Amino acid sequence: SNATKIYALLISDEAIKVLEKEKIPYEYEKRVPYIKNRGNTGLCPMEQAVLGISDLDEAFRVLREKVKSMIKNK
C-alpha cells in the first residue's frame, strides 16, 4: 500500500484491524462496528465487498471494481 496515514469521518472496527495490522496510522471522528448501507438494512456495499480481505492491494482492486459496477448499474 502507498497509504502513509488515514483520516476518516467514519471508520469500522474491521478497517481498524487492517490498518493496525499494516501499521498504518489513522485518525477518525466516529468508530462503529460496521458501516451501514443507506437503508440501514445491512452493511455498506463497499464494506461488504472487502469484508474478510486483509491484503491491501487486493482490497483496493475489489473496491475499484465495485465502484465501476455501481456506476454502470446506476
PDB file of N, CA and C in Angstrom:
ATOM      1  N   SER A   1       0.834  -1.193   0.000  1.00  0.00           N
ATOM      2  CA  SER A   1       0.000   0.000   0.000  1.00  0.00           C
ATOM      3  C   SER A   1       0.872   1.249   0.000  1.00  0.00           C
ATOM      4  N   ASN A   2       0.372   2.297  -0.629  1.00  0.00           N
ATOM      5  CA  ASN A   2       1.078   3.571  -0.631  1.00  0.00           C
ATOM      6  C   ASN A   2       0.567   4.512   0.442  1.00  0.00           C
ATOM      7  N   ALA A   3      -0.453   4.097   1.182  1.00  0.00           N
ATOM      8  CA  ALA A   3      -1.021   4.959   2.214  1.00  0.00           C
ATOM      9  C   ALA A   3      -0.013   5.145   3.344  1.00  0.00           C
ATOM     10  N   THR A   4       0.151   6.391   3.756  1.00  0.00           N
ATOM     11  CA  THR A   4       1.042   6.661   4.881  1.00  0.00           C
ATOM     12  C   THR A   4       0.267   7.033   6.130  1.00  0.00           C
ATOM     13  N   LYS A   5      -0.974   7.483   5.943  1.00  0.00           N
ATOM     14  CA  LYS A   5      -1.840   7.823   7.069  1.00  0.00           C
ATOM     15  C   LYS A   5      -3.268   7.922   6.549  1.00  0.00           C
ATOM     16  N   ILE A   6      -4.232   7.551   7.380  1.00  0.00           N
ATOM     17  CA  ILE A   6      -5.646   7.593   7.009  1.00  0.00           C
ATOM     18  C   ILE A   6      -6.383   8.523   7.960  1.00  0.00           C
ATOM     19  N   TYR A   7      -7.254   9.364   7.398  1.00  0.00           N
ATOM     20  CA  TYR A   7      -8.181  10.151   8.207  1.00  0.00           C
ATOM     21  C   TYR A   7      -9.580   9.835   7.713  1.00  0.00           C
ATOM     22  N   ALA A   8     -10.473   9.475   8.636  1.00  0.00           N
ATOM     23  CA  ALA A   8     -11.845   9.138   8.258  1.00  0.00           C
ATOM     24  C   ALA A   8     -12.832   9.807   9.199  1.00  0.00           C
ATOM     25  N   LEU A   9     -13.935  10.270   8.629  1.00  0.00           N
ATOM     26  CA  LEU A   9     -15.020  10.756   9.476  1.00  0.00           C
ATOM     27  C   LEU A   9     -15.667   9.582  10.193  1.00  0.00           C
ATOM     28  N   LEU A  10     -15.805   8.467   9.469  1.00  0.00           N
ATOM     29  CA  LEU A  10     -16.440   7.262   9.996  1.00  0.00           C
ATOM     30  C   LEU A  10     -15.561   6.071   9.653  1.00  0.00           C
ATOM     31  N   ILE A  11     -15.294   5.225  10.651  1.00  0.00           N
ATOM     32  CA  ILE A  11     -14.439   4.059  10.417  1.00  0.00           C
ATOM     33  C   ILE A  11     -15.024   2.852  11.140  1.00  0.00           C
ATOM     34  N   SER A  12     -14.856   1.693  10.531  1.00  0.00           N
ATOM     35  CA  SER A  12     -15.386   0.465  11.127  1.00  0.00           C
ATOM     36  C   SER A  12     -14.300  -0.275  11.903  1.00  0.00           C
ATOM     37  N   ASP A  13     -14.749  -1.151  12.789  1.00  0.00           N
ATOM     38  CA  ASP A  13     -13.818  -1.979  13.552  1.00  0.00           C
ATOM     39  C   ASP A  13     -12.933  -2.813  12.626  1.00  0.00           C
ATOM     40  N   GLU A  14     -13.520  -3.345  11.553  1.00  0.00           N
ATOM     41  CA  GLU A  14     -12.745  -4.157  10.606  1.00  0.00           C
ATOM     42  C   GLU A  14     -11.658  -3.332   9.927  1.00  0.00           C
ATOM     43  N   ALA A  15     -11.985  -2.107   9.556  1.00  0.00           N
ATOM     44  CA  ALA A  15     -10.981  -1.240   8.923  1.00  0.00           C
ATOM     45  C   ALA A  15      -9.825  -0.977   9.881  1.00  0.00           C
ATOM     46  N   ILE A  16     -10.152  -0.752  11.139  1.00  0.00           N
ATOM     47  CA  ILE A  16      -9.107  -0.506  12.137  1.00  0.00           C
ATOM     48  C   ILE A  16      -8.204  -1.729  12.286  1.00  0.00           C
ATOM     49  N   LYS A  17      -8.791  -2.917  12.270  1.00  0.00           N
ATOM     50  CA  LYS A  17      -7.977  -4.144  12.367  1.00  0.00           C
ATOM     51  C   LYS A  17      -6.949  -4.208  11.237  1.00  0.00           C
ATOM     52  N   VAL A  18      -7.392  -3.902  10.025  1.00  0.00           N
ATOM     53  CA  VAL A  18      -6.492  -3.951   8.866  1.00  0.00           C
ATOM     54  C   VAL A  18      -5.419  -2.872   8.980  1.00  0.00           C
ATOM     55  N   LEU A  19      -5.817  -1.660   9.339  1.00  0.00           N
ATOM     56  CA  LEU A  19      -4.845  -0.571   9.457  1.00  0.00           C
ATOM     57  C   LEU A  19      -3.797  -0.875  10.520  1.00  0.00           C
ATOM     58  N   GLU A  20      -4.230  -1.424  11.650  1.00  0.00           N
ATOM     59  CA  GLU A  20      -3.278  -1.758  12.707  1.00  0.00           C
ATOM     60  C   GLU A  20      -2.350  -2.893  12.270  1.00  0.00           C
ATOM     61  N   LYS A  21      -2.892  -3.882  11.576  1.00  0.00           N
ATOM     62  CA  LYS A  21      -2.076  -4.994  11.069  1.00  0.00           C
ATOM     63  C   LYS A  21      -0.998  -4.472  10.125  1.00  0.00           C
ATOM     64  N   GLU A  22      -1.375  -3.503   9.288  1.00  0.00           N
ATOM     65  CA  GLU A  22      -0.450  -2.938   8.306  1.00  0.00           C
ATOM     66  C   GLU A  22       0.387  -1.788   8.866  1.00  0.00           C
ATOM     67  N   LYS A  23       0.158  -1.463  10.150  1.00  0.00           N
ATOM     68  CA  LYS A  23       0.888  -0.376  10.820  1.00  0.00           C
ATOM     69  C   LYS A  23       0.720   0.969  10.108  1.00  0.00           C
ATOM     70  N   ILE A  24      -0.503   1.212   9.652  1.00  0.00           N
ATOM     71  CA  ILE A  24      -0.830   2.486   9.015  1.00  0.00           C
ATOM     72  C   ILE A  24      -1.505   3.369  10.061  1.00  0.00           C
ATOM     73  N   PRO A  25      -0.926   4.530  10.370  1.00  0.00           N
ATOM     74  CA  PRO A  25      -1.545   5.424  11.350  1.00  0.00           C
ATOM     75  C   PRO A  25      -2.906   5.908  10.853  1.00  0.00           C
ATOM     76  N   TYR A  26      -3.814   6.138  11.790  1.00  0.00           N
ATOM     77  CA  TYR A  26      -5.153   6.579  11.407  1.00  0.00           C
ATOM     78  C   TYR A  26      -5.742   7.490  12.469  1.00  0.00           C
ATOM     79  N   GLU A  27      -6.655   8.323  12.032  1.00  0.00           N
ATOM     80  CA  GLU A  27      -7.459   9.181  12.902  1.00  0.00           C
ATOM     81  C   GLU A  27      -8.880   9.105  12.396  1.00  0.00           C
ATOM     82  N   TYR A  28      -9.828   9.303  13.293  1.00  0.00           N
ATOM     83  CA  TYR A  28     -11.229   9.248  12.886  1.00  0.00           C
ATOM     84  C   TYR A  28     -12.080  10.090  13.821  1.00  0.00           C
ATOM     85  N   GLU A  29     -13.259  10.431  13.340  1.00  0.00           N
ATOM     86  CA  GLU A  29     -14.229  11.162  14.149  1.00  0.00           C
ATOM     87  C   GLU A  29     -15.140  10.203  14.913  1.00  0.00           C
ATOM     88  N   LYS A  30     -15.605   9.150  14.218  1.00  0.00           N
ATOM     89  CA  LYS A  30     -16.542   8.213  14.843  1.00  0.00           C
ATOM     90  C   LYS A  30     -16.195   6.784  14.437  1.00  0.00           C
ATOM     91  N   ARG A  31     -16.157   5.893  15.445  1.00  0.00           N
ATOM     92  CA  ARG A  31     -15.879   4.469  15.210  1.00  0.00           C
ATOM     93  C   ARG A  31     -17.177   3.689  15.397  1.00  0.00           C
ATOM     94  N   VAL A  32     -17.438   2.757  14.477  1.00  0.00           N
ATOM     95  CA  VAL A  32     -18.645   1.931  14.537  1.00  0.00           C
ATOM     96  C   VAL A  32     -18.264   0.469  14.291  1.00  0.00           C
ATOM     97  N   PRO A  33     -19.107  -0.467  14.747  1.00  0.00           N
ATOM     98  CA  PRO A  33     -18.812  -1.884  14.491  1.00  0.00           C
ATOM     99  C   PRO A  33     -18.727  -2.183  12.994  1.00  0.00           C
ATOM    100  N   TYR A  34     -19.627  -1.586  12.223  1.00  0.00           N
ATOM    101  CA  TYR A  34     -19.601  -1.721  10.766  1.00  0.00           C
ATOM    102  C   TYR A  34     -20.322  -0.527  10.168  1.00  0.00           C
ATOM    103  N   ILE A  35     -20.010  -0.226   8.917  1.00  0.00           N
ATOM    104  CA  ILE A  35     -20.652   0.896   8.235  1.00  0.00           C
ATOM    105  C   ILE A  35     -21.916   0.378   7.568  1.00  0.00           C
ATOM    106  N   LYS A  36     -23.024   1.049   7.841  1.00  0.00           N
ATOM    107  CA  LYS A  36     -24.331   0.622   7.332  1.00  0.00           C
ATOM    108  C   LYS A  36     -24.579   1.146   5.920  1.00  0.00           C
ATOM    109  N   ASN A  37     -25.439   0.432   5.205  1.00  0.00           N
ATOM    110  CA  ASN A  37     -25.851   0.914   3.887  1.00  0.00           C
ATOM    111  C   ASN A  37     -26.834   2.068   4.054  1.00  0.00           C
ATOM    112  N   ARG A  38     -27.201   2.702   2.968  1.00  0.00           N
ATOM    113  CA  ARG A  38     -28.078   3.882   3.036  1.00  0.00           C
ATOM    114  C   ARG A  38     -29.438   3.585   3.645  1.00  0.00           C
ATOM    115  N   GLY A  39     -29.930   2.364   3.464  1.00  0.00           N
ATOM    116  CA  GLY A  39     -31.233   1.990   4.010  1.00  0.00           C
ATOM    117  C   GLY A  39     -31.170   1.473   5.434  1.00  0.00           C
ATOM    118  N   ASN A  40     -29.974   1.455   6.010  1.00  0.00           N
ATOM    119  CA  ASN A  40     -29.769   0.912   7.360  1.00  0.00           C
ATOM    120  C   ASN A  40     -30.263  -0.525   7.497  1.00  0.00           C
ATOM    121  N   THR A  41     -30.152  -1.291   6.410  1.00  0.00           N
ATOM    122  CA  THR A  41     -30.634  -2.675   6.429  1.00  0.00           C
ATOM    123  C   THR A  41     -29.495  -3.689   6.444  1.00  0.00           C
ATOM    124  N   GLY A  42     -28.268  -3.217   6.435  1.00  0.00           N
ATOM    125  CA  GLY A  42     -27.117  -4.118   6.423  1.00  0.00           C
ATOM    126  C   GLY A  42     -25.841  -3.346   6.196  1.00  0.00           C
ATOM    127  N   LEU A  43     -24.829  -4.058   5.769  1.00  0.00           N
ATOM    128  CA  LEU A  43     -23.524  -3.444   5.531  1.00  0.00           C
ATOM    129  C   LEU A  43     -23.520  -2.541   4.304  1.00  0.00           C
ATOM    130  N   CYS A  44     -22.709  -1.511   4.369  1.00  0.00           N
ATOM    131  CA  CYS A  44     -22.415  -0.674   3.206  1.00  0.00           C
ATOM    132  C   CYS A  44     -21.858  -1.587   2.112  1.00  0.00           C
ATOM    133  N   PRO A  45     -22.256  -1.388   0.853  1.00  0.00           N
ATOM    134  CA  PRO A  45     -21.760  -2.257  -0.213  1.00  0.00           C
ATOM    135  C   PRO A  45     -20.233  -2.260  -0.341  1.00  0.00           C
ATOM    136  N   MET A  46     -19.608  -1.152  -0.046  1.00  0.00           N
ATOM    137  CA  MET A  46     -18.149  -1.091  -0.132  1.00  0.00           C
ATOM    138  C   MET A  46     -17.519  -1.919   0.986  1.00  0.00           C
ATOM    139  N   GLU A  47     -18.067  -1.796   2.181  1.00  0.00           N
ATOM    140  CA  GLU A  47     -17.551  -2.576   3.307  1.00  0.00           C
ATOM    141  C   GLU A  47     -17.796  -4.067   3.069  1.00  0.00           C
ATOM    142  N   GLN A  48     -18.963  -4.389   2.548  1.00  0.00           N
ATOM    143  CA  GLN A  48     -19.297  -5.786   2.250  1.00  0.00           C
ATOM    144  C   GLN A  48     -18.326  -6.372   1.229  1.00  0.00           C
ATOM    145  N   ALA A  49     -17.951  -5.567   0.244  1.00  0.00           N
ATOM    146  CA  ALA A  49     -17.075  -6.041  -0.831  1.00  0.00           C
ATOM    147  C   ALA A  49     -15.703  -6.467  -0.321  1.00  0.00           C
ATOM    148  N   VAL A  50     -15.206  -5.813   0.707  1.00  0.00           N
ATOM    149  CA  VAL A  50     -13.853  -6.116   1.184  1.00  0.00           C
ATOM    150  C   VAL A  50     -13.824  -6.866   2.510  1.00  0.00           C
ATOM    151  N   LEU A  51     -14.980  -7.215   3.011  1.00  0.00           N
ATOM    152  CA  LEU A  51     -15.042  -7.949   4.272  1.00  0.00           C
ATOM    153  C   LEU A  51     -14.242  -9.242   4.152  1.00  0.00           C
ATOM    154  N   GLY A  52     -13.321  -9.430   5.048  1.00  0.00           N
ATOM    155  CA  GLY A  52     -12.505 -10.640   5.033  1.00  0.00           C
ATOM    156  C   GLY A  52     -11.243 -10.550   4.191  1.00  0.00           C
ATOM    157  N   ILE A  53     -11.062  -9.450   3.474  1.00  0.00           N
ATOM    158  CA  ILE A  53      -9.843  -9.271   2.673  1.00  0.00           C
ATOM    159  C   ILE A  53      -8.840  -8.483   3.510  1.00  0.00           C
ATOM    160  N   SER A  54      -7.696  -9.073   3.772  1.00  0.00           N
ATOM    161  CA  SER A  54      -6.697  -8.380   4.582  1.00  0.00           C
ATOM    162  C   SER A  54      -5.542  -7.827   3.750  1.00  0.00           C
ATOM    163  N   ASP A  55      -5.421  -8.255   2.503  1.00  0.00           N
ATOM    164  CA  ASP A  55      -4.384  -7.742   1.615  1.00  0.00           C
ATOM    165  C   ASP A  55      -4.835  -6.403   1.031  1.00  0.00           C
ATOM    166  N   LEU A  56      -4.080  -5.356   1.297  1.00  0.00           N
ATOM    167  CA  LEU A  56      -4.494  -4.014   0.880  1.00  0.00           C
ATOM    168  C   LEU A  56      -4.586  -3.855  -0.630  1.00  0.00           C
ATOM    169  N   ASP A  57      -3.667  -4.446  -1.363  1.00  0.00           N
ATOM    170  CA  ASP A  57      -3.719  -4.337  -2.821  1.00  0.00           C
ATOM    171  C   ASP A  57      -4.964  -5.026  -3.370  1.00  0.00           C
ATOM    172  N   GLU A  58      -5.291  -6.186  -2.820  1.00  0.00           N
ATOM    173  CA  GLU A  58      -6.496  -6.902  -3.244  1.00  0.00           C
ATOM    174  C   GLU A  58      -7.747  -6.105  -2.878  1.00  0.00           C
ATOM    175  N   ALA A  59      -7.774  -5.542  -1.674  1.00  0.00           N
ATOM    176  CA  ALA A  59      -8.926  -4.743  -1.244  1.00  0.00           C
ATOM    177  C   ALA A  59      -9.120  -3.547  -2.174  1.00  0.00           C
ATOM    178  N   PHE A  60      -8.036  -2.881  -2.540  1.00  0.00           N
ATOM    179  CA  PHE A  60      -8.125  -1.734  -3.441  1.00  0.00           C
ATOM    180  C   PHE A  60      -8.676  -2.156  -4.796  1.00  0.00           C
ATOM    181  N   ARG A  61      -8.191  -3.291  -5.307  1.00  0.00           N
ATOM    182  CA  ARG A  61      -8.675  -3.797  -6.596  1.00  0.00           C
ATOM    183  C   ARG A  61     -10.166  -4.101  -6.525  1.00  0.00           C
ATOM    184  N   VAL A  62     -10.605  -4.754  -5.448  1.00  0.00           N
ATOM    185  CA  VAL A  62     -12.020  -5.101  -5.277  1.00  0.00           C
ATOM    186  C   VAL A  62     -12.868  -3.836  -5.164  1.00  0.00           C
ATOM    187  N   LEU A  63     -12.407  -2.849  -4.411  1.00  0.00           N
ATOM    188  CA  LEU A  63     -13.159  -1.594  -4.273  1.00  0.00           C
ATOM    189  C   LEU A  63     -13.267  -0.858  -5.604  1.00  0.00           C
ATOM    190  N   ARG A  64     -12.189  -0.855  -6.356  1.00  0.00           N
ATOM    191  CA  ARG A  64     -12.210  -0.198  -7.673  1.00  0.00           C
ATOM    192  C   ARG A  64     -13.244  -0.863  -8.580  1.00  0.00           C
ATOM    193  N   GLU A  65     -13.281  -2.192  -8.579  1.00  0.00           N
ATOM    194  CA  GLU A  65     -14.260  -2.925  -9.385  1.00  0.00           C
ATOM    195  C   GLU A  65     -15.682  -2.678  -8.888  1.00  0.00           C
ATOM    196  N   LYS A  66     -15.859  -2.582  -7.581  1.00  0.00           N
ATOM    197  CA  LYS A  66     -17.189  -2.331  -7.013  1.00  0.00           C
ATOM    198  C   LYS A  66     -17.699  -0.959  -7.447  1.00  0.00           C
ATOM    199  N   VAL A  67     -16.839   0.037  -7.401  1.00  0.00           N
ATOM    200  CA  VAL A  67     -17.229   1.385  -7.833  1.00  0.00           C
ATOM    201  C   VAL A  67     -17.626   1.367  -9.304  1.00  0.00           C
ATOM    202  N   LYS A  68     -16.830   0.716 -10.144  1.00  0.00           N
ATOM    203  CA  LYS A  68     -17.163   0.623 -11.570  1.00  0.00           C
ATOM    204  C   LYS A  68     -18.523  -0.036 -11.762  1.00  0.00           C
ATOM    205  N   SER A  69     -18.769  -1.101 -11.029  1.00  0.00           N
ATOM    206  CA  SER A  69     -20.035  -1.828 -11.125  1.00  0.00           C
ATOM    207  C   SER A  69     -21.214  -0.963 -10.684  1.00  0.00           C
ATOM    208  N   MET A  70     -21.032  -0.217  -9.599  1.00  0.00           N
ATOM    209  CA  MET A  70     -22.110   0.634  -9.090  1.00  0.00           C
ATOM    210  C   MET A  70     -22.414   1.765 -10.066  1.00  0.00           C
ATOM    211  N   ILE A  71     -21.383   2.333 -10.687  1.00  0.00           N
ATOM    212  CA  ILE A  71     -21.584   3.401 -11.672  1.00  0.00           C
ATOM    213  C   ILE A  71     -22.311   2.851 -12.890  1.00  0.00           C
ATOM    214  N   LYS A  72     -21.899   1.688 -13.341  1.00  0.00           N
ATOM    215  CA  LYS A  72     -22.503   1.060 -14.513  1.00  0.00           C
ATOM    216  C   LYS A  72     -23.978   0.734 -14.285  1.00  0.00           C
ATOM    217  N   ASN A  73     -24.331   0.339 -13.074  1.00  0.00           N
ATOM    218  CA  ASN A  73     -25.703  -0.076 -12.762  1.00  0.00           C
ATOM    219  C   ASN A  73     -26.611   1.061 -12.319  1.00  0.00           C
ATOM    220  N   LYS A  74     -26.124   2.293 -12.349  1.00  0.00           N
ATOM    221  CA  LYS A  74     -26.955   3.446 -11.951  1.00  0.00           C
ATOM    222  C   LYS A  74     -28.001   3.748 -12.972  1.00  0.00           C
TER     223      LYS A  74
END
